[in-house]
Amino acid sequence: GSIAEGYLDDECVTFLSRYLKDIESRTNKPPRYVDDTPIRKPVRFALTGDQKKKMHDYILSNDGDVAPYIA
């Protein structure tokens, strides 16, 4: 099929899944993580100027959107 047929199939399955309580679907799937407590306490730390520059350079060099501007 076509894109329209795929869309219609998806809409039908989504609509029906709301009425089938015993069937797990993307509309009634339980959350992946039920427990909201953090795994551990967050740790704060400060970066040096050199670390910030290295991090900035790493991010820019690994982002395809900025590749045309870096030569």
N, C-alpha and C. Protein backbone atom coordinates (compact mmCIF):
# COMPACT_ATOMS: atom_id res chain seq x y z
N GLY A 1 0.45 -1.15 0.00
CA GLY A 1 0.00 0.00 0.00
C GLY A 1 0.53 1.35 0.00
N SER A 2 -0.46 2.18 0.01
CA SER A 2 -0.17 3.61 -0.06
C SER A 2 -0.01 4.19 1.34
N ILE A 3 0.44 5.42 1.39
CA ILE A 3 0.58 6.12 2.66
C ILE A 3 -0.78 6.29 3.32
N ALA A 4 -1.80 6.59 2.52
CA ALA A 4 -3.16 6.77 3.06
C ALA A 4 -3.68 5.48 3.69
N GLU A 5 -3.42 4.34 3.05
CA GLU A 5 -3.87 3.07 3.62
C GLU A 5 -3.16 2.78 4.94
N GLY A 6 -1.88 3.06 4.99
CA GLY A 6 -1.13 2.86 6.22
C GLY A 6 -1.64 3.75 7.34
N TYR A 7 -1.94 5.00 7.00
CA TYR A 7 -2.47 5.93 7.99
C TYR A 7 -3.82 5.46 8.50
N LEU A 8 -4.69 5.02 7.58
CA LEU A 8 -6.02 4.55 7.96
C LEU A 8 -5.92 3.30 8.83
N ASP A 9 -5.02 2.39 8.48
CA ASP A 9 -4.80 1.20 9.31
C ASP A 9 -4.39 1.59 10.72
N ASP A 10 -3.46 2.51 10.81
CA ASP A 10 -2.96 2.97 12.11
C ASP A 10 -4.08 3.61 12.92
N GLU A 11 -4.89 4.44 12.29
CA GLU A 11 -6.00 5.08 12.98
C GLU A 11 -7.02 4.06 13.48
N CYS A 12 -7.33 3.06 12.67
CA CYS A 12 -8.30 2.03 13.07
C CYS A 12 -7.78 1.23 14.26
N VAL A 13 -6.52 0.82 14.21
CA VAL A 13 -5.95 0.05 15.31
C VAL A 13 -5.91 0.89 16.58
N THR A 14 -5.54 2.15 16.48
CA THR A 14 -5.51 3.03 17.64
C THR A 14 -6.91 3.19 18.22
N PHE A 15 -7.90 3.42 17.38
CA PHE A 15 -9.28 3.59 17.83
C PHE A 15 -9.77 2.33 18.55
N LEU A 16 -9.55 1.17 17.94
CA LEU A 16 -10.02 -0.08 18.54
C LEU A 16 -9.28 -0.42 19.83
N SER A 17 -8.00 -0.09 19.90
CA SER A 17 -7.22 -0.44 21.09
C SER A 17 -7.71 0.29 22.33
N ARG A 18 -8.40 1.40 22.16
CA ARG A 18 -8.94 2.12 23.31
C ARG A 18 -10.09 1.37 23.96
N TYR A 19 -10.71 0.47 23.23
CA TYR A 19 -11.86 -0.27 23.74
C TYR A 19 -11.51 -1.70 24.13
N LEU A 20 -10.33 -2.16 23.81
CA LEU A 20 -9.89 -3.50 24.19
C LEU A 20 -8.98 -3.37 25.40
N LYS A 21 -9.55 -3.45 26.59
CA LYS A 21 -8.81 -3.17 27.82
C LYS A 21 -7.72 -4.20 28.12
N ASP A 22 -7.90 -5.44 27.67
CA ASP A 22 -6.93 -6.48 28.00
C ASP A 22 -5.76 -6.55 27.02
N ILE A 23 -5.78 -5.74 25.98
CA ILE A 23 -4.73 -5.75 24.97
C ILE A 23 -3.81 -4.55 25.20
N GLU A 24 -2.50 -4.82 25.30
CA GLU A 24 -1.55 -3.73 25.49
C GLU A 24 -1.26 -3.07 24.15
N SER A 25 -1.39 -1.75 24.12
CA SER A 25 -1.08 -0.99 22.91
C SER A 25 -0.35 0.27 23.33
N ARG A 26 0.00 1.09 22.35
CA ARG A 26 0.73 2.31 22.70
C ARG A 26 -0.13 3.32 23.45
N THR A 27 -1.47 3.19 23.38
CA THR A 27 -2.33 4.13 24.10
C THR A 27 -2.57 3.73 25.54
N ASN A 28 -2.40 2.45 25.88
CA ASN A 28 -2.65 2.03 27.26
C ASN A 28 -1.46 1.28 27.87
N LYS A 29 -0.30 1.41 27.27
CA LYS A 29 0.89 0.73 27.76
C LYS A 29 1.32 1.33 29.10
N PRO A 30 1.69 0.48 30.07
CA PRO A 30 2.16 1.02 31.34
C PRO A 30 3.49 1.75 31.15
N PRO A 31 3.78 2.71 32.00
CA PRO A 31 5.05 3.44 31.85
C PRO A 31 6.24 2.51 32.03
N ARG A 32 7.32 2.86 31.37
CA ARG A 32 8.52 2.03 31.43
C ARG A 32 9.10 2.01 32.85
N TYR A 33 9.15 3.17 33.49
CA TYR A 33 9.67 3.28 34.84
C TYR A 33 8.54 3.72 35.75
N VAL A 34 8.11 2.84 36.63
CA VAL A 34 7.00 3.15 37.52
C VAL A 34 7.51 3.93 38.72
N ASP A 35 8.68 3.61 39.20
CA ASP A 35 9.24 4.25 40.37
C ASP A 35 9.84 5.60 39.99
N ASP A 36 9.38 6.66 40.65
CA ASP A 36 9.86 8.01 40.34
C ASP A 36 11.05 8.44 41.18
N THR A 37 11.51 7.59 42.07
CA THR A 37 12.62 7.99 42.92
C THR A 37 13.92 7.93 42.12
N PRO A 38 14.80 8.89 42.32
CA PRO A 38 16.06 8.89 41.58
C PRO A 38 16.94 7.72 42.01
N ILE A 39 17.80 7.28 41.11
CA ILE A 39 18.70 6.17 41.41
C ILE A 39 19.72 6.58 42.46
N ARG A 40 20.20 7.78 42.34
CA ARG A 40 21.14 8.30 43.34
C ARG A 40 21.01 9.81 43.40
N LYS A 41 21.64 10.39 44.39
CA LYS A 41 21.61 11.83 44.57
C LYS A 41 22.44 12.49 43.47
N PRO A 42 21.93 13.59 42.88
CA PRO A 42 22.72 14.28 41.85
C PRO A 42 24.02 14.84 42.42
N VAL A 43 25.03 14.84 41.59
CA VAL A 43 26.34 15.36 41.99
C VAL A 43 26.61 16.62 41.18
N ARG A 44 26.94 17.69 41.87
CA ARG A 44 27.27 18.94 41.19
C ARG A 44 28.79 19.09 41.13
N PHE A 45 29.26 19.61 40.02
CA PHE A 45 30.68 19.87 39.89
C PHE A 45 30.86 21.01 38.91
N ALA A 46 31.98 21.68 39.04
CA ALA A 46 32.29 22.82 38.17
C ALA A 46 33.33 22.39 37.14
N LEU A 47 33.15 22.90 35.93
CA LEU A 47 34.11 22.63 34.86
C LEU A 47 35.11 23.77 34.77
N THR A 48 36.33 23.42 34.46
CA THR A 48 37.33 24.46 34.22
C THR A 48 37.10 25.04 32.83
N GLY A 49 37.71 26.15 32.56
CA GLY A 49 37.59 26.77 31.24
C GLY A 49 38.05 25.85 30.13
N ASP A 50 39.14 25.11 30.38
CA ASP A 50 39.67 24.18 29.39
C ASP A 50 38.69 23.03 29.14
N GLN A 51 38.07 22.52 30.20
CA GLN A 51 37.09 21.44 30.05
C GLN A 51 35.87 21.91 29.26
N LYS A 52 35.43 23.14 29.53
CA LYS A 52 34.28 23.69 28.80
C LYS A 52 34.60 23.82 27.32
N LYS A 53 35.82 24.29 27.01
CA LYS A 53 36.20 24.44 25.60
C LYS A 53 36.27 23.09 24.91
N LYS A 54 36.86 22.08 25.57
CA LYS A 54 36.94 20.74 24.99
C LYS A 54 35.55 20.15 24.76
N MET A 55 34.65 20.36 25.72
CA MET A 55 33.29 19.85 25.58
C MET A 55 32.59 20.54 24.42
N HIS A 56 32.75 21.85 24.32
CA HIS A 56 32.13 22.62 23.25
C HIS A 56 32.65 22.17 21.89
N ASP A 57 33.96 22.02 21.78
CA ASP A 57 34.57 21.56 20.53
C ASP A 57 34.09 20.15 20.15
N TYR A 58 33.99 19.27 21.14
CA TYR A 58 33.53 17.89 20.88
C TYR A 58 32.11 17.89 20.35
N ILE A 59 31.24 18.66 20.99
CA ILE A 59 29.83 18.71 20.56
C ILE A 59 29.73 19.25 19.14
N LEU A 60 30.41 20.34 18.87
CA LEU A 60 30.34 20.93 17.53
C LEU A 60 30.93 20.01 16.46
N SER A 61 32.01 19.33 16.79
CA SER A 61 32.65 18.47 15.78
C SER A 61 31.85 17.19 15.52
N ASN A 62 30.91 16.85 16.41
CA ASN A 62 30.10 15.64 16.23
C ASN A 62 28.66 15.96 15.86
N ASP A 63 28.37 17.19 15.52
CA ASP A 63 27.02 17.59 15.10
C ASP A 63 27.04 17.84 13.60
N GLY A 64 26.31 17.04 12.86
CA GLY A 64 26.29 17.15 11.40
C GLY A 64 25.72 18.45 10.89
N ASP A 65 24.87 19.11 11.69
CA ASP A 65 24.25 20.36 11.24
C ASP A 65 25.26 21.50 11.13
N VAL A 66 26.31 21.47 11.93
CA VAL A 66 27.28 22.56 11.89
C VAL A 66 28.51 22.23 11.04
N ALA A 67 28.58 21.00 10.54
CA ALA A 67 29.75 20.58 9.74
C ALA A 67 30.04 21.51 8.56
N PRO A 68 29.02 22.01 7.83
CA PRO A 68 29.33 22.90 6.71
C PRO A 68 29.99 24.21 7.13
N TYR A 69 29.84 24.60 8.39
CA TYR A 69 30.38 25.88 8.85
C TYR A 69 31.76 25.74 9.48
N ILE A 70 32.18 24.50 9.74
CA ILE A 70 33.49 24.28 10.33
C ILE A 70 34.42 23.78 9.24
N ALA A 71 35.50 24.51 9.02
CA ALA A 71 36.43 24.10 7.96
C ALA A 71 37.84 24.10 8.45
